[in-house]
């Protein structure tokens, strides 16, 4: 089970670099690159676009990127309440 799906807006709730916590991201899809992220084994890694650059640690070198990998376990989707279904009322009967 994953928390997010492609197209979701989500908030980063946990991160190796604490400055990333609270960042709003748009989940683009599955990350297909290689990654050395700190994530639980078997965790889904999403490619996400951030509202401001995320900080990544590459072998001790900090880099900031707006699009990059984020583990699903570190995200929580932002979803509103389900939309109420519109109930169509039958047209008033007109008798002549």
Protein backbone atom coordinates (compact mmCIF):
# COMPACT_ATOMS: atom_id res chain seq x y z
CA UNK A 1 0.00 0.00 0.00
CA UNK A 2 1.22 3.49 -0.79
CA UNK A 3 0.13 6.81 0.63
CA UNK A 4 0.39 8.71 -2.64
CA UNK A 5 -0.38 8.24 -6.30
CA UNK A 6 0.69 10.12 -9.43
CA UNK A 7 -0.98 13.52 -9.65
CA UNK A 8 -1.32 13.98 -5.88
CA UNK A 9 -0.21 17.03 -3.98
CA UNK A 10 1.59 15.90 -0.85
CA UNK A 11 3.52 17.27 2.10
CA UNK A 12 6.93 15.95 3.16
CA UNK A 13 6.45 14.76 6.77
CA UNK A 14 9.82 13.09 7.35
CA UNK A 15 13.19 13.63 5.69
CA UNK A 16 16.89 12.92 6.09
CA UNK A 17 17.46 16.66 5.60
CA UNK A 18 15.09 18.32 8.08
CA UNK A 19 14.83 21.46 5.94
CA UNK A 20 12.70 19.42 3.49
CA UNK A 21 9.97 18.73 6.08
CA UNK A 22 6.80 20.68 5.33
CA UNK A 23 7.58 21.12 1.63
CA UNK A 24 4.60 20.72 -0.70
CA UNK A 25 5.29 18.48 -3.69
CA UNK A 26 3.42 17.36 -6.80
CA UNK A 27 3.84 13.60 -7.30
CA UNK A 28 4.80 13.12 -10.95
CA UNK A 29 5.23 9.34 -11.11
CA UNK A 30 7.56 6.50 -10.18
CA UNK A 31 11.23 7.47 -9.93
CA UNK A 32 13.21 5.48 -12.47
CA UNK A 33 16.75 6.66 -11.66
CA UNK A 34 19.22 5.23 -9.21
CA UNK A 35 18.87 6.52 -5.69
CA UNK A 36 20.79 6.32 -2.42
CA UNK A 37 17.88 7.71 -0.40
CA UNK A 38 17.30 6.70 3.20
CA UNK A 39 14.08 4.75 2.80
CA UNK A 40 12.69 1.48 4.16
CA UNK A 41 13.39 -1.56 1.99
CA UNK A 42 10.65 -1.97 -0.61
CA UNK A 43 9.42 1.62 -0.24
CA UNK A 44 8.03 3.21 -3.41
CA UNK A 45 10.19 6.11 -4.58
CA UNK A 46 8.27 8.88 -6.36
CA UNK A 47 9.59 11.56 -8.65
CA UNK A 48 8.16 14.78 -7.31
CA UNK A 49 8.25 18.48 -8.16
CA UNK A 50 8.61 20.70 -5.12
CA UNK A 51 7.20 24.14 -4.40
CA UNK A 52 10.77 25.20 -3.55
CA UNK A 53 14.03 23.29 -4.03
CA UNK A 54 14.55 20.19 -1.89
CA UNK A 55 17.97 19.57 -0.37
CA UNK A 56 19.71 16.29 -1.21
CA UNK A 57 22.97 14.98 0.27
CA UNK A 58 25.15 13.34 -2.39
CA UNK A 59 28.17 11.84 -0.58
CA UNK A 60 28.47 14.86 1.70
CA UNK A 61 27.74 17.44 -1.01
CA UNK A 62 24.42 19.25 -0.54
CA UNK A 63 22.48 19.91 -3.73
CA UNK A 64 19.14 21.64 -4.18
CA UNK A 65 16.68 20.46 -6.81
CA UNK A 66 13.04 21.23 -7.58
CA UNK A 67 12.42 17.83 -9.15
CA UNK A 68 13.77 14.68 -7.53
CA UNK A 69 13.08 11.42 -5.71
CA UNK A 70 11.00 11.24 -2.52
CA UNK A 71 10.11 8.00 -0.69
CA UNK A 72 6.37 7.37 -0.32
CA UNK A 73 6.80 6.70 3.42
CA UNK A 74 7.95 10.33 3.85
CA UNK A 75 4.89 11.84 2.14
CA UNK A 76 1.26 12.37 3.09
CA UNK A 77 -1.22 13.28 0.36
CA UNK A 78 -3.26 16.45 0.54
CA UNK A 79 -6.76 15.56 -0.50
CA UNK A 80 -10.00 17.36 0.17
CA UNK A 81 -13.22 15.77 1.25
CA UNK A 82 -14.86 13.70 -1.46
CA UNK A 83 -17.10 15.75 -3.69
CA UNK A 84 -20.80 15.23 -3.08
CA UNK A 85 -22.57 13.77 -6.05
CA UNK A 86 -25.06 16.07 -7.68
CA UNK A 87 -28.54 14.69 -7.52
CA UNK A 88 -30.55 15.59 -10.55
CA UNK A 89 -34.12 16.49 -9.81
CA UNK A 90 -36.73 15.32 -12.29
CA UNK A 91 -38.25 18.10 -14.35
CA UNK A 92 -41.57 19.29 -13.07
CA UNK A 93 -44.37 17.63 -14.94
CA UNK A 94 -46.28 20.08 -17.06
CA UNK A 95 -49.86 19.20 -17.80
CA UNK A 96 -51.91 21.03 -20.33
